[in-house]
Amino acid sequence: MKFLYKILLCTIIIMAVAFGFSGYLFVNFVFESALEREVEQALDGNNILRFAFETAALNIPSKYNVLQDTAVRQIGTRLESSGQNTSRYLRLSDEANEILYASNGFPEDTALLQQIGPDTRVWEITFHQDRYFVHTGVMVNVLDRKLYLETLDDATEVFQERRAGFAIYRRVTLAMLACSGAVMLGICIWLTKPIRILANATKRMAQGDYGYRAKRVSDDELGQLTTDFNSMANVLEGTIGELKEEVRAREDFIAAFAHELKTPLTAIIGYADLLRTRKLDDEKHFLSANYIYTEGKRLENMSFRLLDIIVTKRETLEPQPVDAKVFFDYLRGMFAGNKEQKIRISVQPGTVYGEANLLKSVLLNLMDNACKASSPGGVVRLSGRCLENGYAFEVKDYGVGIPEEELKKVTEAFYMVDKSRSRSKNGAGLGLALCVEILRLHRSALDIDSKVGEGTCIRFVIPGPERDGEQYKHRKEEPEKTEEKGVGHDGEEEREEHREREEDRAVPDSAVAGDSGAGSVGAGGHGEVQ
């Protein structure tokens, strides 16, 4: 049964019980009041008859000292015939409860007669010949005799009025229940409207329409429930979206991983079969073996990177203070042999709170990607500066940039903007994925800003420790120390930078924004950093 009908049924039952009980009390009260008046009238009539009997007995000529039974019968006959109330019956009995006179139709029951005593009046309701009577009795003392006077007064009309009252009240109650039921049905429909809306919303969501929201139609608890339901639906929709995105990313990961395995394995099998089935000269033999070695190292590099990502996801970190200069000296040494790009390093002294080796890997990957994205002779800038809440690093190149629609995907494992160029530089699309996991351990994230044809700028901030959160607020900013390779000073430096930027923008369309994972360091032949 629907909740609407449950409320309606319960309301009608309660109203029926209330109307029935109150109607019974009301009609019964009216009946008892009317019956009480009838009893009083019957008792008063009985007293009047007693007085008339005593008067008649005293007016009889006194031939005897004691009132005779014959005289009693005569007086009873006169009293009955002289009475104006034709619905009254009379009975007279002697001391031995022997009936001396009784009206026609008077019942033979003597139970009330046994209860009559001196100075007492008794009464009861008697049902006789389909009618109701008030049966009264009193003792009469006259001429040394104790007689009993009983009367029957018709009270049927009172009982008929009670039956009529109950019948009328039943009809009125049914009419009131019908009207109130119709009104309550409308009220229940109105009250349960938010519930029906929520039920419809749950059905829509169960069918997969996670964007559907219930309309709030009241300001009571059900309205608040609707608001809470919509909030829950928002969270659920977001969670399902994240799960779908995670499933998509996982499928893409598997597909990319299978493809990345297929390419080197195909080359390895092909050249191995060539060495196995044919006799080659020394130069071709060396080239074939070198291809096998190169693709094998690529598989090894990919497996190491995947292992690094898995391990990093499961690690916890206890930050340690490290002088920022350590990172820049490390990168300066790593890219010292890079002759194809112009490296610009700007350092502001400060302290970085983190794990030094992991952060070096992040910076090395970002710098390597920047070099790959730049044309020969292009500028790659690395800068660091103190902030109130930590230390900020920035790597910027003036290469081809990354399309806006690709920015959200470059941090996914195996994702590469230009797969052919990235593979040619030993990239596997794992570098930025590893960077993201390392920065997550440091409570940080990559901020990537890129435009096609203008270059890419990647920033991240390593926060300071919470207990030293105020350490940067009042520190006087120190001037940046800048080290540059291959440039002059002042105006000459600005002119050269402008020229270099123009040269970078002239890169052919086949160039790419770089591998999302770190390959070989720069273009100077450094091995990949683990």
Protein backbone atom coordinates (compact mmCIF):
# COMPACT_ATOMS: atom_id res chain seq x y z
CA MET A 1 0.00 0.00 0.00
CA LYS A 2 1.28 3.46 -0.87
CA PHE A 3 2.32 5.79 1.90
CA LEU A 4 -0.38 8.25 0.75
CA TYR A 5 -3.14 5.68 1.31
CA LYS A 6 -1.66 4.60 4.63
CA ILE A 7 -1.87 8.17 5.93
CA LEU A 8 -5.41 8.56 4.57
CA LEU A 9 -6.60 5.23 6.03
CA CYS A 10 -5.08 5.92 9.44
CA THR A 11 -6.64 9.39 9.50
CA ILE A 12 -10.10 8.07 8.58
CA ILE A 13 -9.88 5.33 11.22
CA ILE A 14 -8.88 7.83 13.90
CA MET A 15 -11.65 10.22 12.88
CA ALA A 16 -14.23 7.39 12.81
CA VAL A 17 -13.26 6.26 16.30
CA ALA A 18 -13.29 9.85 17.57
CA PHE A 19 -16.67 10.65 15.99
CA GLY A 20 -18.17 7.35 17.16
CA PHE A 21 -16.99 7.69 20.74
CA SER A 22 -17.96 11.35 21.02
CA GLY A 23 -21.34 10.64 19.39
CA TYR A 24 -22.00 7.78 21.81
CA LEU A 25 -21.19 9.99 24.77
CA PHE A 26 -23.36 12.84 23.48
CA VAL A 27 -26.44 10.76 22.60
CA ASN A 28 -26.13 8.74 25.81
CA PHE A 29 -25.87 11.92 27.85
CA VAL A 30 -29.08 13.23 26.29
CA PHE A 31 -30.75 9.86 26.86
CA GLU A 32 -29.72 9.64 30.52
CA SER A 33 -30.92 13.21 31.13
CA ALA A 34 -34.30 12.43 29.57
CA LEU A 35 -34.58 9.14 31.46
CA GLU A 36 -33.73 10.87 34.72
CA ARG A 37 -36.57 13.31 34.13
CA GLU A 38 -38.96 10.43 33.40
CA VAL A 39 -37.93 8.68 36.64
CA GLU A 40 -38.45 11.87 38.66
CA GLN A 41 -41.86 12.36 37.08
CA ALA A 42 -42.76 8.73 37.80
CA LEU A 43 -41.67 9.06 41.45
CA ASP A 44 -43.57 12.32 41.81
CA GLY A 45 -46.66 10.67 40.29
CA ASN A 46 -46.27 7.79 42.72
CA ASN A 47 -46.19 10.22 45.67
CA ILE A 48 -49.31 11.97 44.39
CA LEU A 49 -51.12 8.62 44.14
CA ARG A 50 -50.02 7.70 47.66
CA PHE A 51 -51.39 10.98 49.00
CA ALA A 52 -54.64 10.47 47.10
CA PHE A 53 -54.90 6.89 48.43
CA GLU A 54 -54.39 8.03 52.02
CA THR A 55 -56.97 10.78 51.60
CA ALA A 56 -59.52 8.40 50.08
CA ALA A 57 -58.93 5.85 52.85
CA LEU A 58 -59.51 8.43 55.57
CA ASN A 59 -62.77 9.57 53.94
CA ILE A 60 -64.29 6.11 53.99
CA PRO A 61 -66.95 5.74 56.79
CA SER A 62 -65.35 3.93 59.69
CA LYS A 63 -67.42 0.80 60.18
CA TYR A 64 -64.24 -1.07 61.03
CA ASN A 65 -61.12 -0.15 62.93
CA VAL A 66 -58.95 -1.59 60.15
CA LEU A 67 -59.06 -0.74 56.44
CA GLN A 68 -60.69 -3.63 54.64
CA ASP A 69 -59.34 -5.24 51.48
CA THR A 70 -62.59 -4.43 49.70
CA ALA A 71 -62.10 -0.74 50.43
CA VAL A 72 -58.56 -0.96 49.12
CA ARG A 73 -59.79 -2.41 45.82
CA GLN A 74 -62.42 0.28 45.51
CA ILE A 75 -59.90 3.04 46.10
CA GLY A 76 -57.51 1.46 43.53
CA THR A 77 -60.31 1.32 40.94
CA ARG A 78 -61.19 5.02 41.52
CA LEU A 79 -57.54 6.09 41.34
CA GLU A 80 -56.98 4.28 38.05
CA SER A 81 -60.20 5.52 36.45
CA SER A 82 -59.63 9.10 37.59
CA GLY A 83 -56.03 9.24 36.35
CA GLN A 84 -55.32 11.46 33.34
CA ASN A 85 -52.28 9.42 32.32
CA THR A 86 -53.69 6.47 30.37
CA SER A 87 -50.18 4.96 30.05
CA ARG A 88 -49.90 4.48 33.81
CA TYR A 89 -50.59 1.17 35.50
CA LEU A 90 -51.33 0.63 39.20
CA ARG A 91 -50.93 -2.22 41.70
CA LEU A 92 -51.76 -2.44 45.43
CA SER A 93 -50.46 -5.18 47.75
CA ASP A 94 -51.01 -5.97 51.43
CA GLU A 95 -48.53 -6.63 54.21
CA ALA A 96 -48.00 -10.20 53.05
CA ASN A 97 -47.22 -9.02 49.50
CA GLU A 98 -50.53 -10.42 48.34
CA ILE A 99 -51.89 -8.43 45.43
CA LEU A 100 -55.15 -6.68 46.31
CA TYR A 101 -55.56 -4.71 43.12
CA ALA A 102 -53.66 -4.60 39.80
CA SER A 103 -54.36 -2.77 36.53
CA ASN A 104 -54.89 -4.75 33.41
CA GLY A 105 -51.48 -5.57 31.83
CA PHE A 106 -49.49 -4.98 35.00
CA PRO A 107 -46.61 -7.57 34.98
CA GLU A 108 -46.66 -10.28 37.60
CA ASP A 109 -43.01 -9.74 38.58
CA THR A 110 -42.73 -9.00 42.32
CA ALA A 111 -38.98 -8.46 42.54
CA LEU A 112 -39.35 -4.71 43.16
CA LEU A 113 -42.09 -5.33 45.70
CA GLN A 114 -39.65 -7.25 47.86
CA GLN A 115 -37.36 -4.18 48.02
CA ILE A 116 -39.95 -1.69 49.28
CA GLY A 117 -39.37 -0.57 52.88
CA PRO A 118 -40.51 2.18 55.27
CA ASP A 119 -39.72 5.72 54.12
CA THR A 120 -38.03 4.49 50.92
CA ARG A 121 -38.83 4.88 47.27
CA VAL A 122 -37.58 2.33 44.80
CA TRP A 123 -37.63 2.22 41.01
CA GLU A 124 -36.40 0.24 38.04
CA ILE A 125 -36.70 0.19 34.27
CA THR A 126 -38.91 -2.66 33.06
CA PHE A 127 -39.37 -3.97 29.53
CA HIS A 128 -42.88 -5.37 29.06
CA GLN A 129 -44.86 -6.06 25.90
CA ASP A 130 -42.22 -4.38 23.67
CA ARG A 131 -42.30 -1.21 25.68
CA TYR A 132 -40.18 0.37 28.40
CA PHE A 133 -41.70 1.41 31.75
CA VAL A 134 -40.50 3.14 34.89
CA HIS A 135 -41.56 0.81 37.70
CA THR A 136 -41.85 2.65 41.09
CA GLY A 137 -42.89 1.46 44.54
CA VAL A 138 -43.66 3.04 47.93
CA MET A 139 -45.16 1.97 51.30
CA VAL A 140 -48.52 3.45 52.40
CA ASN A 141 -49.45 3.61 56.14
CA VAL A 142 -53.17 4.15 56.65
CA LEU A 143 -55.61 3.01 59.36
CA ASP A 144 -53.12 0.65 61.00
CA ARG A 145 -52.32 -1.06 57.72
CA LYS A 146 -49.10 -1.16 55.73
CA LEU A 147 -49.86 -1.41 52.07
CA TYR A 148 -47.57 -1.24 49.00
CA LEU A 149 -48.34 1.04 46.07
CA GLU A 150 -46.61 0.29 42.70
CA THR A 151 -46.92 2.23 39.45
CA LEU A 152 -45.77 1.69 35.88
CA ASP A 153 -45.12 4.80 33.71
CA ASP A 154 -44.47 4.36 30.00
CA ALA A 155 -40.91 5.59 29.07
CA THR A 156 -40.68 4.02 25.61
CA GLU A 157 -40.43 7.41 23.91
CA VAL A 158 -37.12 8.14 25.66
CA PHE A 159 -35.60 4.92 24.36
CA GLN A 160 -36.97 5.57 20.88
CA GLU A 161 -35.37 9.01 20.90
CA ARG A 162 -32.06 7.41 21.84
CA ARG A 163 -32.27 5.00 18.90
CA ALA A 164 -33.21 7.84 16.59
CA GLY A 165 -30.30 9.89 17.92
CA PHE A 166 -27.84 7.10 17.25
CA ALA A 167 -29.20 6.58 13.73
CA ILE A 168 -28.98 10.29 12.90
CA TYR A 169 -25.49 10.53 14.35
CA ARG A 170 -24.34 7.53 12.31
CA ARG A 171 -25.53 9.19 9.11
CA VAL A 172 -23.91 12.46 10.10
CA THR A 173 -20.67 10.67 10.99
CA LEU A 174 -20.58 8.87 7.64
CA ALA A 175 -21.17 12.15 5.81
CA MET A 176 -18.47 13.88 7.86
CA LEU A 177 -16.04 11.00 7.25
CA ALA A 178 -16.71 11.16 3.51
CA CYS A 179 -16.14 14.94 3.40
CA SER A 180 -13.12 14.85 5.69
CA GLY A 181 -11.71 11.87 3.76
CA ALA A 182 -11.88 13.86 0.51
CA VAL A 183 -10.20 16.83 2.22
CA MET A 184 -7.56 14.58 3.79
CA LEU A 185 -6.89 12.95 0.42
CA GLY A 186 -6.05 16.34 -1.04
CA ILE A 187 -3.90 17.21 1.98
CA CYS A 188 -2.08 13.86 1.80
CA ILE A 189 -1.42 14.31 -1.91
CA TRP A 190 0.02 17.75 -1.18
CA LEU A 191 2.08 16.56 1.79
CA THR A 192 3.52 13.54 -0.01
CA LYS A 193 4.41 15.42 -3.21
CA PRO A 194 8.10 15.81 -2.15
CA ILE A 195 8.23 12.05 -1.50
CA ARG A 196 6.87 11.29 -4.98
CA ILE A 197 9.39 13.71 -6.48
CA LEU A 198 12.23 12.00 -4.60
CA ALA A 199 10.95 8.57 -5.65
CA ASN A 200 10.90 9.67 -9.28
CA ALA A 201 14.41 11.10 -8.91
CA THR A 202 15.73 7.82 -7.50
CA LYS A 203 14.14 5.91 -10.43
CA ARG A 204 15.74 8.29 -12.93
CA MET A 205 19.12 7.89 -11.26
CA ALA A 206 18.67 4.10 -11.12
CA GLN A 207 18.16 4.21 -14.90
CA GLY A 208 21.48 6.01 -15.30
CA ASP A 209 20.34 9.66 -15.44
CA TYR A 210 22.81 10.88 -12.80
CA GLY A 211 22.32 14.52 -13.80
CA TYR A 212 18.64 14.55 -12.78
CA ARG A 213 17.80 16.55 -9.65
CA ALA A 214 14.64 16.62 -7.52
CA LYS A 215 12.73 19.90 -7.36
CA ARG A 216 12.28 21.36 -3.88
CA VAL A 217 8.59 22.19 -3.31
CA SER A 218 8.48 22.86 0.45
CA ASP A 219 10.51 24.46 3.20
CA ASP A 220 9.90 21.81 5.86
CA GLU A 221 11.85 18.66 6.71
CA LEU A 222 10.91 17.07 3.38
CA GLY A 223 12.26 20.13 1.60
CA GLN A 224 15.50 19.79 3.52
CA LEU A 225 15.53 16.09 2.63
CA THR A 226 15.21 17.07 -1.05
CA THR A 227 18.16 19.44 -0.71
CA ASP A 228 20.23 16.76 1.02
CA PHE A 229 19.26 14.26 -1.69
CA ASN A 230 20.40 16.65 -4.41
CA SER A 231 23.68 17.20 -2.56
CA MET A 232 24.14 13.44 -2.32
CA ALA A 233 23.32 13.14 -6.03
CA ASN A 234 25.97 15.77 -6.85
CA VAL A 235 28.57 13.83 -4.90
CA LEU A 236 27.42 10.56 -6.45
CA GLU A 237 27.55 12.02 -9.96
CA GLY A 238 31.04 13.33 -9.31
CA THR A 239 32.17 9.99 -7.91
CA ILE A 240 30.71 8.06 -10.84
CA GLY A 241 32.36 10.51 -13.22
CA GLU A 242 35.67 9.94 -11.48
CA LEU A 243 35.17 6.18 -11.64
CA LYS A 244 34.36 6.35 -15.35
CA GLU A 245 37.40 8.52 -15.92
CA GLU A 246 39.50 6.10 -13.89
CA VAL A 247 38.20 3.15 -15.93
CA ARG A 248 38.90 5.05 -19.16
CA ALA A 249 42.38 5.95 -17.94
CA ARG A 250 43.00 2.33 -16.96
CA GLU A 251 41.86 1.08 -20.35
CA ASP A 252 44.02 3.69 -22.07
CA PHE A 253 46.91 2.69 -19.81
CA ILE A 254 46.54 -0.99 -20.74
CA ALA A 255 46.23 -0.15 -24.43
CA ALA A 256 49.23 2.17 -24.32
CA PHE A 257 51.27 -0.28 -22.27
CA ALA A 258 50.50 -3.09 -24.74
CA HIS A 259 51.46 -0.82 -27.63
CA GLU A 260 54.66 0.28 -25.90
CA LEU A 261 55.60 -3.36 -25.40
CA LYS A 262 54.68 -4.34 -28.92
CA THR A 263 56.89 -1.78 -30.66
CA PRO A 264 60.27 -2.71 -29.08
CA LEU A 265 59.42 -6.41 -29.01
CA THR A 266 58.66 -6.33 -32.74
CA ALA A 267 62.03 -4.70 -33.42
CA ILE A 268 63.86 -7.10 -31.08
CA ILE A 269 62.23 -10.18 -32.66
CA GLY A 270 62.81 -8.90 -36.17
CA TYR A 271 66.50 -8.12 -35.75
CA ALA A 272 67.07 -11.27 -33.70
CA ASP A 273 65.50 -13.33 -36.49
CA LEU A 274 67.70 -11.49 -39.01
CA LEU A 275 70.83 -12.36 -37.01
CA ARG A 276 69.62 -15.95 -36.61
CA THR A 277 68.73 -16.68 -40.23
CA ARG A 278 71.25 -14.67 -42.26
CA LYS A 279 74.97 -14.14 -42.33
CA LEU A 280 75.66 -10.39 -42.17
CA ASP A 281 78.78 -8.33 -42.51
CA ASP A 282 80.25 -6.75 -39.40
CA GLU A 283 78.60 -3.35 -39.87
CA LYS A 284 75.07 -4.75 -40.36
CA HIS A 285 75.65 -7.23 -37.57
CA PHE A 286 76.60 -4.38 -35.23
CA LEU A 287 73.61 -2.26 -36.31
CA SER A 288 71.19 -5.14 -35.73
CA ALA A 289 72.67 -5.95 -32.33
CA ASN A 290 72.58 -2.23 -31.44
CA TYR A 291 68.86 -2.04 -32.32
CA ILE A 292 68.20 -5.03 -30.08
CA TYR A 293 70.23 -3.45 -27.25
CA THR A 294 68.53 -0.04 -27.65
CA GLU A 295 65.00 -1.48 -27.60
CA GLY A 296 65.90 -3.73 -24.67
CA LYS A 297 67.16 -0.72 -22.69
CA ARG A 298 63.95 1.06 -23.56
CA LEU A 299 61.93 -1.82 -22.11
CA GLU A 300 64.16 -1.80 -19.02
CA ASN A 301 63.70 1.96 -18.63
CA MET A 302 59.93 1.62 -18.94
CA SER A 303 59.79 -1.12 -16.30
CA PHE A 304 61.92 0.94 -13.91
CA ARG A 305 59.68 3.97 -14.37
CA LEU A 306 56.53 1.94 -13.73
CA LEU A 307 58.13 0.50 -10.61
CA ASP A 308 59.04 4.01 -9.44
CA ILE A 309 55.43 5.16 -9.87
CA ILE A 310 54.03 2.16 -7.98
CA VAL A 311 56.51 2.52 -5.14
CA THR A 312 55.94 6.29 -4.92
CA LYS A 313 52.17 5.80 -4.59
CA ARG A 314 52.70 3.58 -1.56
CA GLU A 315 55.35 5.67 0.19
CA THR A 316 55.01 8.20 2.98
CA LEU A 317 57.32 11.15 3.37
CA GLU A 318 59.02 12.93 6.25
CA PRO A 319 60.21 16.29 4.82
CA GLN A 320 63.75 17.36 5.61
CA PRO A 321 65.17 20.89 5.18
CA VAL A 322 67.33 21.15 2.05
CA ASP A 323 69.15 24.23 0.76
CA ALA A 324 67.56 25.21 -2.57
CA LYS A 325 71.04 25.74 -4.03
CA VAL A 326 71.59 21.96 -3.89
CA PHE A 327 68.95 21.36 -6.60
CA PHE A 328 70.24 24.03 -8.93
CA ASP A 329 73.86 22.92 -8.58
CA TYR A 330 72.75 19.38 -9.39
CA LEU A 331 70.86 20.43 -12.52
CA ARG A 332 73.71 22.75 -13.57
CA GLY A 333 76.05 19.79 -13.52
CA MET A 334 73.60 17.45 -15.28
CA PHE A 335 73.06 19.86 -18.19
CA ALA A 336 76.64 21.13 -18.41
CA GLY A 337 77.19 19.11 -21.58
CA ASN A 338 74.01 20.29 -23.29
CA LYS A 339 75.15 22.25 -26.35
CA GLU A 340 71.84 22.38 -28.23
CA GLN A 341 69.75 24.52 -25.82
CA LYS A 342 70.62 27.64 -23.84
CA ILE A 343 69.94 27.04 -20.16
CA ARG A 344 69.04 30.03 -17.97
CA ILE A 345 69.02 29.41 -14.19
CA SER A 346 67.68 32.00 -11.70
CA VAL A 347 68.08 31.12 -8.03
CA GLN A 348 66.76 32.81 -4.91
CA PRO A 349 68.30 31.45 -1.70
CA GLY A 350 65.93 29.55 0.52
CA THR A 351 65.14 26.26 2.21
CA VAL A 352 63.08 23.49 0.65
CA TYR A 353 61.34 21.00 2.92
CA GLY A 354 61.15 17.65 1.20
CA GLU A 355 63.06 14.59 0.04
CA ALA A 356 66.02 15.81 -2.01
CA ASN A 357 66.44 12.84 -4.38
CA LEU A 358 62.75 12.73 -5.29
CA LEU A 359 62.61 16.47 -5.98
CA LYS A 360 65.78 16.22 -8.09
CA SER A 361 64.01 13.59 -10.19
CA VAL A 362 61.03 15.94 -10.67
CA LEU A 363 63.20 18.86 -11.76
CA LEU A 364 65.32 16.62 -14.00
CA ASN A 365 62.21 15.29 -15.78
CA LEU A 366 60.78 18.77 -16.28
CA MET A 367 64.07 20.17 -17.59
CA ASP A 368 64.53 17.20 -19.91
CA ASN A 369 61.00 17.64 -21.31
CA ALA A 370 61.66 21.35 -21.83
CA CYS A 371 64.85 20.59 -23.77
CA LYS A 372 63.04 18.04 -25.94
CA ALA A 373 60.29 20.56 -26.70
CA SER A 374 62.77 23.27 -27.70
CA SER A 375 64.47 23.65 -31.07
CA PRO A 376 68.26 23.66 -31.33
CA GLY A 377 69.52 26.93 -29.84
CA GLY A 378 66.28 27.47 -27.92
CA VAL A 379 66.11 28.90 -24.39
CA VAL A 380 65.11 26.85 -21.36
CA ARG A 381 64.65 28.71 -18.08
CA LEU A 382 64.76 27.30 -14.56
CA SER A 383 63.96 29.59 -11.63
CA GLY A 384 63.35 29.30 -7.93
CA ARG A 385 62.02 31.81 -5.42
CA CYS A 386 60.83 32.02 -1.85
CA LEU A 387 57.14 32.44 -1.06
CA GLU A 388 55.30 33.01 2.20
CA ASN A 389 54.06 29.44 2.15
CA GLY A 390 57.06 27.61 0.71
CA TYR A 391 59.51 27.53 -2.18
CA ALA A 392 58.43 27.77 -5.84
CA PHE A 393 60.13 26.17 -8.85
CA GLU A 394 59.43 27.10 -12.46
CA VAL A 395 60.63 25.50 -15.70
CA LYS A 396 59.89 27.41 -18.90
CA ASP A 397 60.65 26.79 -22.56
CA TYR A 398 59.79 28.62 -25.77
CA GLY A 399 59.10 25.53 -27.85
CA VAL A 400 56.02 24.46 -29.75
CA GLY A 401 53.74 24.23 -26.68
CA ILE A 402 50.97 21.81 -25.84
CA PRO A 403 47.41 21.99 -27.28
CA GLU A 404 44.86 23.03 -24.66
CA GLU A 405 42.83 19.83 -25.06
CA GLU A 406 45.93 17.77 -24.23
CA LEU A 407 46.88 19.57 -20.99
CA LYS A 408 44.71 17.39 -18.75
CA LYS A 409 46.14 14.19 -20.20
CA VAL A 410 49.89 14.88 -20.21
CA THR A 411 50.27 13.62 -16.63
CA GLU A 412 48.72 10.22 -17.42
CA ALA A 413 51.03 7.25 -17.69
CA PHE A 414 52.16 6.43 -21.26
CA TYR A 415 50.50 9.56 -22.64
CA MET A 416 52.63 11.42 -25.19
CA VAL A 417 51.60 14.44 -27.24
CA ASP A 418 53.72 13.29 -30.20
CA LYS A 419 54.46 9.59 -29.84
CA SER A 420 56.87 9.31 -32.78
CA ARG A 421 59.08 12.16 -31.58
CA SER A 422 59.00 10.99 -27.96
CA ARG A 423 60.03 7.45 -28.89
CA SER A 424 62.83 8.80 -31.03
CA LYS A 425 64.23 10.38 -27.87
CA ASN A 426 63.69 7.25 -25.77
CA GLY A 427 60.57 8.61 -24.05
CA ALA A 428 57.85 6.34 -22.70
CA GLY A 429 55.31 8.85 -21.36
CA LEU A 430 55.99 8.08 -17.69
CA GLY A 431 58.03 11.09 -16.54
CA LEU A 432 55.22 13.50 -15.66
CA ALA A 433 53.16 10.68 -14.11
CA LEU A 434 56.09 10.05 -11.78
CA CYS A 435 56.40 13.79 -11.08
CA VAL A 436 52.75 13.99 -10.09
CA GLU A 437 53.10 11.15 -7.58
CA ILE A 438 56.28 12.63 -6.07
CA LEU A 439 54.67 16.07 -5.69
CA ARG A 440 51.61 14.46 -4.14
CA LEU A 441 53.85 13.14 -1.38
CA HIS A 442 55.10 16.72 -0.89
CA ARG A 443 51.52 18.11 -0.72
CA SER A 444 52.02 19.87 -4.05
CA ALA A 445 50.93 19.63 -7.68
CA LEU A 446 51.99 20.71 -11.16
CA ASP A 447 50.62 23.95 -12.60
CA ILE A 448 50.97 23.75 -16.40
CA ASP A 449 50.52 26.79 -18.63
CA SER A 450 51.11 26.26 -22.34
CA LYS A 451 50.21 27.77 -25.70
CA VAL A 452 50.87 26.20 -29.06
CA GLY A 453 53.72 28.02 -30.78
CA GLU A 454 54.70 30.01 -27.67
CA GLY A 455 56.04 27.38 -25.28
CA THR A 456 55.25 25.79 -21.94
CA CYS A 457 55.67 26.92 -18.33
CA ILE A 458 55.42 24.38 -15.49
CA ARG A 459 55.36 25.51 -11.85
CA PHE A 460 55.04 23.85 -8.49
CA VAL A 461 55.39 24.98 -4.87
CA ILE A 462 56.90 22.84 -2.12
CA PRO A 463 55.15 24.00 1.08
CA GLY A 464 57.06 24.74 4.26
CA PRO A 465 56.48 22.85 7.51
CA GLU A 466 53.32 23.77 9.43
CA ARG A 467 55.23 24.65 12.57
CA ASP A 468 57.31 27.11 10.61
CA GLY A 469 54.46 28.49 8.59
CA GLU A 470 55.41 32.06 9.43
CA GLN A 471 59.04 31.72 8.43
CA TYR A 472 58.64 33.47 5.09
CA LYS A 473 56.30 36.26 6.09
CA HIS A 474 58.84 38.72 7.43
CA ARG A 475 61.90 37.57 5.54
CA LYS A 476 63.40 40.34 3.47
CA GLU A 477 63.43 39.21 -0.16
CA GLU A 478 66.96 38.70 -1.34
CA PRO A 479 67.94 39.64 -4.87
CA GLU A 480 67.92 36.78 -7.34
CA LYS A 481 71.23 35.32 -8.38
CA THR A 482 71.18 34.54 -12.07
CA GLU A 483 73.56 32.30 -13.92
CA GLU A 484 73.35 32.27 -17.69
CA LYS A 485 75.17 30.32 -20.34
CA GLY A 486 76.10 31.78 -23.70
CA VAL A 487 74.63 35.29 -23.22
CA GLY A 488 75.99 38.77 -22.64
CA HIS A 489 74.76 41.34 -20.09
CA ASP A 490 72.18 44.16 -19.83
CA GLY A 491 70.83 45.30 -23.22
CA GLU A 492 72.84 42.73 -25.11
CA GLU A 493 71.23 39.97 -23.03
CA GLU A 494 67.70 41.21 -23.73
CA ARG A 495 68.40 41.46 -27.45
CA GLU A 496 69.79 37.94 -27.56
CA GLU A 497 66.83 36.55 -25.60
CA HIS A 498 64.40 38.22 -28.00
CA ARG A 499 66.30 36.78 -30.95
CA GLU A 500 66.36 33.32 -29.39
CA ARG A 501 62.63 33.42 -28.73
CA GLU A 502 61.95 34.34 -32.34
CA GLU A 503 64.16 31.49 -33.49
CA ASP A 504 62.28 29.04 -31.26
CA ARG A 505 58.94 30.07 -32.75
CA ALA A 506 60.27 29.26 -36.21
CA VAL A 507 60.40 25.53 -35.37
CA PRO A 508 58.69 23.28 -37.99
CA ASP A 509 55.20 21.92 -37.22
CA SER A 510 56.57 18.42 -36.85
CA ALA A 511 58.21 19.41 -33.55
CA VAL A 512 56.39 18.48 -30.35
CA ALA A 513 55.93 19.68 -26.83
CA GLY A 514 58.08 16.89 -25.48
CA ASP A 515 57.59 13.59 -23.85
CA SER A 516 55.40 13.46 -20.75
CA GLY A 517 58.13 11.28 -19.28
CA ALA A 518 61.82 12.03 -18.95
CA GLY A 519 64.05 10.44 -21.53
CA SER A 520 67.73 11.11 -22.00
CA VAL A 521 68.99 14.27 -20.33
CA GLY A 522 69.11 17.12 -22.81
CA ALA A 523 70.58 16.30 -26.17
CA GLY A 524 74.09 15.91 -25.01
CA GLY A 525 74.03 12.19 -24.52
CA HIS A 526 73.43 11.96 -20.73
CA GLY A 527 71.81 8.76 -19.57
CA GLU A 528 68.26 8.71 -18.21
CA VAL A 529 67.93 9.60 -14.54
CA GLN A 530 66.19 7.08 -12.34
